């Protein structure tokens, strides 16, 4: 049986009107130091987003989330932030901020396979 190892995750939220503090969960970012794993997956439910903000610019939101994802994955074409160490990238992405895209606090857990855990969290918290 594989050994369980520590991971951290944060829920990625879309907050169309920051002043109203209403949000929908659109993604999950997961970091596991032992496996040198950092990944983020997302899905924006258009109907839910438009219920909070009928005139929301979904193309802009998609661009922001795609950039977040590429930085998290450390893709070479994602700019200087993607070049940071894996831990620094995760900490930067999950830092508190007041923007359209925000993250929950980081939560710890134990997993055997970070990819399986990420998918399970995504299905439970976003879909």
C-alpha atoms as a PDB file:
ATOM      1  CA  UNK A   1       0.000   0.000   0.000  1.00  0.00           C
ATOM      2  CA  UNK A   2       1.426   3.407  -0.954  1.00  0.00           C
ATOM      3  CA  UNK A   3       2.385   5.715   1.862  1.00  0.00           C
ATOM      4  CA  UNK A   4       0.169   8.739   2.500  1.00  0.00           C
ATOM      5  CA  UNK A   5       1.854  12.096   2.215  1.00  0.00           C
ATOM      6  CA  UNK A   6       0.953  15.650   3.112  1.00  0.00           C
ATOM      7  CA  UNK A   7      -0.666  17.945   0.540  1.00  0.00           C
ATOM      8  CA  UNK A   8      -2.277  21.372   0.601  1.00  0.00           C
ATOM      9  CA  UNK A   9      -5.143  22.654  -1.465  1.00  0.00           C
ATOM     10  CA  UNK A  10      -7.082  25.861  -1.948  1.00  0.00           C
ATOM     11  CA  UNK A  11     -10.435  26.429  -3.610  1.00  0.00           C
ATOM     12  CA  UNK A  12     -10.277  28.965  -6.440  1.00  0.00           C
ATOM     13  CA  UNK A  13     -13.209  31.334  -6.391  1.00  0.00           C
ATOM     14  CA  UNK A  14     -14.754  33.710  -8.895  1.00  0.00           C
ATOM     15  CA  UNK A  15     -15.927  36.912  -7.220  1.00  0.00           C
ATOM     16  CA  UNK A  16     -17.546  39.036  -9.950  1.00  0.00           C
ATOM     17  CA  UNK A  17     -18.323  41.956  -7.636  1.00  0.00           C
ATOM     18  CA  UNK A  18     -15.711  42.050  -4.912  1.00  0.00           C
ATOM     19  CA  UNK A  19     -17.682  44.589  -2.878  1.00  0.00           C
ATOM     20  CA  UNK A  20     -20.618  42.166  -2.565  1.00  0.00           C
ATOM     21  CA  UNK A  21     -18.423  39.276  -1.368  1.00  0.00           C
ATOM     22  CA  UNK A  22     -20.484  36.730  -3.339  1.00  0.00           C
ATOM     23  CA  UNK A  23     -18.568  33.971  -5.050  1.00  0.00           C
ATOM     24  CA  UNK A  24     -18.746  30.655  -6.845  1.00  0.00           C
ATOM     25  CA  UNK A  25     -16.133  27.937  -6.650  1.00  0.00           C
ATOM     26  CA  UNK A  26     -14.483  27.537 -10.047  1.00  0.00           C
ATOM     27  CA  UNK A  27     -11.356  25.514  -9.358  1.00  0.00           C
ATOM     28  CA  UNK A  28      -8.964  23.751  -7.023  1.00  0.00           C
ATOM     29  CA  UNK A  29      -5.205  24.201  -6.700  1.00  0.00           C
ATOM     30  CA  UNK A  30      -3.256  21.387  -5.047  1.00  0.00           C
ATOM     31  CA  UNK A  31       0.377  21.269  -3.944  1.00  0.00           C
ATOM     32  CA  UNK A  32       2.288  18.211  -2.738  1.00  0.00           C
ATOM     33  CA  UNK A  33       5.929  18.805  -1.858  1.00  0.00           C
ATOM     34  CA  UNK A  34       6.941  15.124  -1.744  1.00  0.00           C
ATOM     35  CA  UNK A  35       5.810  14.514  -5.327  1.00  0.00           C
ATOM     36  CA  UNK A  36       6.884  18.000  -6.532  1.00  0.00           C
ATOM     37  CA  UNK A  37       3.318  18.402  -7.696  1.00  0.00           C
ATOM     38  CA  UNK A  38       1.407  21.642  -8.198  1.00  0.00           C
ATOM     39  CA  UNK A  39      -1.656  21.689 -10.370  1.00  0.00           C
ATOM     40  CA  UNK A  40      -4.849  23.682 -10.742  1.00  0.00           C
ATOM     41  CA  UNK A  41      -8.003  22.707 -12.607  1.00  0.00           C
ATOM     42  CA  UNK A  42     -11.060  24.837 -13.180  1.00  0.00           C
ATOM     43  CA  UNK A  43     -14.504  25.064 -14.730  1.00  0.00           C
ATOM     44  CA  UNK A  44     -16.728  28.137 -14.872  1.00  0.00           C
ATOM     45  CA  UNK A  45     -20.440  27.421 -14.751  1.00  0.00           C
ATOM     46  CA  UNK A  46     -21.754  30.234 -16.953  1.00  0.00           C
ATOM     47  CA  UNK A  47     -25.262  30.117 -15.493  1.00  0.00           C
ATOM     48  CA  UNK A  48     -23.987  30.494 -11.916  1.00  0.00           C
ATOM     49  CA  UNK A  49     -21.578  33.270 -12.912  1.00  0.00           C
ATOM     50  CA  UNK A  50     -24.308  35.207 -14.706  1.00  0.00           C
ATOM     51  CA  UNK A  51     -26.648  34.809 -11.723  1.00  0.00           C
ATOM     52  CA  UNK A  52     -24.147  36.843  -9.687  1.00  0.00           C
ATOM     53  CA  UNK A  53     -23.263  39.258 -12.480  1.00  0.00           C
ATOM     54  CA  UNK A  54     -25.333  39.216 -15.684  1.00  0.00           C
ATOM     55  CA  UNK A  55     -22.790  41.269 -17.646  1.00  0.00           C
ATOM     56  CA  UNK A  56     -19.689  39.343 -16.534  1.00  0.00           C
ATOM     57  CA  UNK A  57     -16.927  39.115 -19.147  1.00  0.00           C
ATOM     58  CA  UNK A  58     -16.415  35.361 -19.291  1.00  0.00           C
ATOM     59  CA  UNK A  59     -13.603  35.595 -21.853  1.00  0.00           C
ATOM     60  CA  UNK A  60     -11.602  37.785 -19.456  1.00  0.00           C
ATOM     61  CA  UNK A  61     -12.299  35.350 -16.587  1.00  0.00           C
ATOM     62  CA  UNK A  62     -11.148  32.444 -18.773  1.00  0.00           C
ATOM     63  CA  UNK A  63      -7.915  34.315 -19.558  1.00  0.00           C
ATOM     64  CA  UNK A  64      -7.238  34.975 -15.859  1.00  0.00           C
ATOM     65  CA  UNK A  65      -7.925  31.365 -14.874  1.00  0.00           C
ATOM     66  CA  UNK A  66      -5.814  30.027 -17.731  1.00  0.00           C
ATOM     67  CA  UNK A  67      -2.914  32.232 -16.638  1.00  0.00           C
ATOM     68  CA  UNK A  68      -3.347  31.076 -13.015  1.00  0.00           C
ATOM     69  CA  UNK A  69      -3.290  27.469 -14.199  1.00  0.00           C
ATOM     70  CA  UNK A  70      -0.176  27.916 -16.360  1.00  0.00           C
ATOM     71  CA  UNK A  71       1.693  29.626 -13.506  1.00  0.00           C
ATOM     72  CA  UNK A  72       0.678  26.866 -11.087  1.00  0.00           C
ATOM     73  CA  UNK A  73       1.946  24.221 -13.502  1.00  0.00           C
ATOM     74  CA  UNK A  74       5.208  26.128 -13.993  1.00  0.00           C
ATOM     75  CA  UNK A  75       4.849  26.374 -17.769  1.00  0.00           C
ATOM     76  CA  UNK A  76       7.804  28.090 -19.410  1.00  0.00           C
ATOM     77  CA  UNK A  77       5.655  30.502 -21.413  1.00  0.00           C
ATOM     78  CA  UNK A  78       3.729  31.710 -18.329  1.00  0.00           C
ATOM     79  CA  UNK A  79       6.165  34.453 -17.316  1.00  0.00           C
ATOM     80  CA  UNK A  80       8.458  35.110 -14.375  1.00  0.00           C
ATOM     81  CA  UNK A  81       6.032  33.860 -11.719  1.00  0.00           C
ATOM     82  CA  UNK A  82       5.994  30.421 -13.332  1.00  0.00           C
ATOM     83  CA  UNK A  83       9.778  30.297 -12.920  1.00  0.00           C
ATOM     84  CA  UNK A  84       9.516  30.458  -9.143  1.00  0.00           C
ATOM     85  CA  UNK A  85      10.145  27.359  -7.049  1.00  0.00           C
ATOM     86  CA  UNK A  86       7.052  25.135  -6.834  1.00  0.00           C
ATOM     87  CA  UNK A  87       6.394  26.091  -3.197  1.00  0.00           C
ATOM     88  CA  UNK A  88       6.755  29.808  -3.908  1.00  0.00           C
ATOM     89  CA  UNK A  89       4.388  29.538  -6.875  1.00  0.00           C
ATOM     90  CA  UNK A  90       1.698  27.864  -4.786  1.00  0.00           C
ATOM     91  CA  UNK A  91       2.103  30.395  -1.956  1.00  0.00           C
ATOM     92  CA  UNK A  92       1.939  33.341  -4.376  1.00  0.00           C
ATOM     93  CA  UNK A  93      -1.162  31.997  -6.118  1.00  0.00           C
ATOM     94  CA  UNK A  94      -3.005  31.296  -2.874  1.00  0.00           C
ATOM     95  CA  UNK A  95      -2.081  34.575  -1.134  1.00  0.00           C
ATOM     96  CA  UNK A  96      -4.967  36.780  -0.009  1.00  0.00           C
ATOM     97  CA  UNK A  97      -6.002  39.396  -2.543  1.00  0.00           C
ATOM     98  CA  UNK A  98      -9.016  41.465  -3.486  1.00  0.00           C
ATOM     99  CA  UNK A  99      -9.599  40.621  -7.132  1.00  0.00           C
ATOM    100  CA  UNK A 100     -12.021  38.721  -9.361  1.00  0.00           C
ATOM    101  CA  UNK A 101     -10.120  35.477  -8.768  1.00  0.00           C
ATOM    102  CA  UNK A 102      -9.377  34.606  -5.137  1.00  0.00           C
ATOM    103  CA  UNK A 103      -8.434  31.496  -3.210  1.00  0.00           C
ATOM    104  CA  UNK A 104      -9.730  30.094   0.029  1.00  0.00           C
ATOM    105  CA  UNK A 105      -7.306  29.517   2.852  1.00  0.00           C
ATOM    106  CA  UNK A 106      -4.996  26.562   2.223  1.00  0.00           C
ATOM    107  CA  UNK A 107      -6.175  23.303   3.736  1.00  0.00           C
ATOM    108  CA  UNK A 108      -3.913  20.314   4.529  1.00  0.00           C
ATOM    109  CA  UNK A 109      -4.634  16.661   3.988  1.00  0.00           C
ATOM    110  CA  UNK A 110      -3.010  13.295   3.369  1.00  0.00           C
ATOM    111  CA  UNK A 111      -3.031  11.528   0.025  1.00  0.00           C
ATOM    112  CA  UNK A 112      -1.479   8.621  -1.819  1.00  0.00           C
ATOM    113  CA  UNK A 113      -1.828  10.138  -5.290  1.00  0.00           C
ATOM    114  CA  UNK A 114      -2.117  13.935  -5.642  1.00  0.00           C
ATOM    115  CA  UNK A 115      -3.743  13.720  -9.093  1.00  0.00           C
ATOM    116  CA  UNK A 116      -6.531  11.466  -7.817  1.00  0.00           C
ATOM    117  CA  UNK A 117      -6.996  13.704  -4.779  1.00  0.00           C
ATOM    118  CA  UNK A 118      -7.155  16.844  -6.942  1.00  0.00           C
ATOM    119  CA  UNK A 119      -9.848  15.311  -9.153  1.00  0.00           C
ATOM    120  CA  UNK A 120     -11.890  14.187  -6.126  1.00  0.00           C
ATOM    121  CA  UNK A 121     -11.700  17.641  -4.526  1.00  0.00           C
ATOM    122  CA  UNK A 122     -12.647  19.281  -7.822  1.00  0.00           C
ATOM    123  CA  UNK A 123     -15.687  17.059  -8.250  1.00  0.00           C
ATOM    124  CA  UNK A 124     -16.809  17.618  -4.660  1.00  0.00           C
ATOM    125  CA  UNK A 125     -16.141  21.368  -4.379  1.00  0.00           C
ATOM    126  CA  UNK A 126     -16.644  22.758  -7.881  1.00  0.00           C
ATOM    127  CA  UNK A 127     -18.821  20.539 -10.065  1.00  0.00           C
END
